[in-house]
Amino acid sequence: MSIVQETQNPWFRIDPVFRTVKELIEPAKEKTFEMPARGRQARELRNEEQNVLEVKVIVELQSGDSYYYEFSVPIAVPMRMR
């Protein structure tokens, strides 16, 4: 599993996150995994930008199939540019 950030010139950057899990998941069942991530503010947030980080979680199965899920993660921002 990995977490990637595809935004060009993001105001908040996350460090690359990868995790290998060897666990059998039964068909039609869901499994939740924790993927701790770290990041830092790369620049000040502009007025037209939201304090949300868009990330994509990619799950690659042993069979070679890949699935991805997109998430919007709210980030606390100390102050906005005027």
Protein backbone atom coordinates (compact mmCIF):
# COMPACT_ATOMS: atom_id res chain seq x y z
CA MET A 1 0.00 0.00 0.00
CA SER A 2 1.15 3.52 -0.61
CA ILE A 3 -0.08 7.06 -0.20
CA VAL A 4 0.74 9.53 -2.96
CA GLN A 5 0.11 13.20 -3.48
CA GLU A 6 -0.53 14.25 -7.07
CA THR A 7 -1.12 17.99 -6.59
CA GLN A 8 1.27 20.31 -8.43
CA ASN A 9 2.93 22.87 -6.11
CA PRO A 10 0.97 21.80 -3.02
CA TRP A 11 0.84 24.11 -0.03
CA PHE A 12 1.25 21.06 2.23
CA ARG A 13 3.55 18.16 1.34
CA ILE A 14 3.48 14.68 2.77
CA ASP A 15 6.47 12.39 2.99
CA PRO A 16 6.21 9.21 0.91
CA VAL A 17 4.33 6.42 2.71
CA PHE A 18 4.67 2.73 1.84
CA ARG A 19 3.58 -0.31 3.78
CA THR A 20 3.75 -4.00 2.99
CA VAL A 21 1.03 -6.15 4.49
CA LYS A 22 0.88 -9.91 4.09
CA GLU A 23 -2.63 -10.67 5.18
CA LEU A 24 -5.36 -12.66 3.50
CA ILE A 25 -8.57 -10.70 3.04
CA GLU A 26 -11.62 -12.74 2.21
CA PRO A 27 -13.55 -11.80 -0.95
CA ALA A 28 -16.30 -9.21 -0.37
CA LYS A 29 -14.82 -8.33 3.04
CA GLU A 30 -13.31 -4.99 3.99
CA LYS A 31 -10.19 -4.48 6.05
CA THR A 32 -8.95 -1.25 7.61
CA PHE A 33 -5.22 -0.54 7.86
CA GLU A 34 -3.51 2.40 9.53
CA MET A 35 -1.08 4.34 7.37
CA PRO A 36 0.59 7.02 9.51
CA ALA A 37 1.91 9.90 7.41
CA ARG A 38 4.01 12.97 8.15
CA GLY A 39 4.05 16.24 6.29
CA ARG A 40 4.86 19.89 6.48
CA GLN A 41 3.54 23.17 5.18
CA ALA A 42 5.50 24.03 2.01
CA ARG A 43 4.13 27.54 1.53
CA GLU A 44 1.37 29.81 2.78
CA LEU A 45 -2.18 28.91 1.86
CA ARG A 46 -3.68 31.27 -0.75
CA ASN A 47 -7.18 32.73 -0.34
CA GLU A 48 -8.64 30.57 -3.13
CA GLU A 49 -7.20 27.36 -1.67
CA GLN A 50 -8.90 25.18 0.89
CA ASN A 51 -7.13 23.73 3.92
CA VAL A 52 -7.62 20.22 2.53
CA LEU A 53 -4.99 17.77 1.37
CA GLU A 54 -5.94 15.54 -1.57
CA VAL A 55 -4.25 12.13 -1.40
CA LYS A 56 -4.55 8.85 -3.24
CA VAL A 57 -4.13 5.51 -1.47
CA ILE A 58 -2.99 2.73 -3.80
CA VAL A 59 -3.51 -0.90 -2.85
CA GLU A 60 -1.61 -3.47 -4.92
CA LEU A 61 -2.66 -7.06 -4.50
CA GLN A 62 -0.47 -10.13 -4.87
CA SER A 63 -2.52 -11.07 -7.95
CA GLY A 64 -1.24 -7.92 -9.68
CA ASP A 65 -4.54 -6.05 -9.44
CA SER A 66 -4.40 -2.48 -8.15
CA TYR A 67 -7.08 -0.36 -6.54
CA TYR A 68 -6.96 3.26 -5.54
CA TYR A 69 -9.01 5.41 -3.24
CA GLU A 70 -8.96 9.20 -3.11
CA PHE A 71 -9.35 11.08 0.15
CA SER A 72 -9.64 14.73 1.17
CA VAL A 73 -7.90 15.24 4.50
CA PRO A 74 -8.55 18.49 6.44
CA ILE A 75 -5.37 20.17 7.69
CA ALA A 76 -5.24 22.82 10.45
CA VAL A 77 -3.69 25.99 9.03
CA PRO A 78 -2.15 28.63 11.32
CA MET A 79 -2.82 31.59 8.99
CA ARG A 80 -3.79 32.55 5.43
CA MET A 81 -2.08 34.91 2.97
CA ARG A 82 -3.90 38.20 2.46
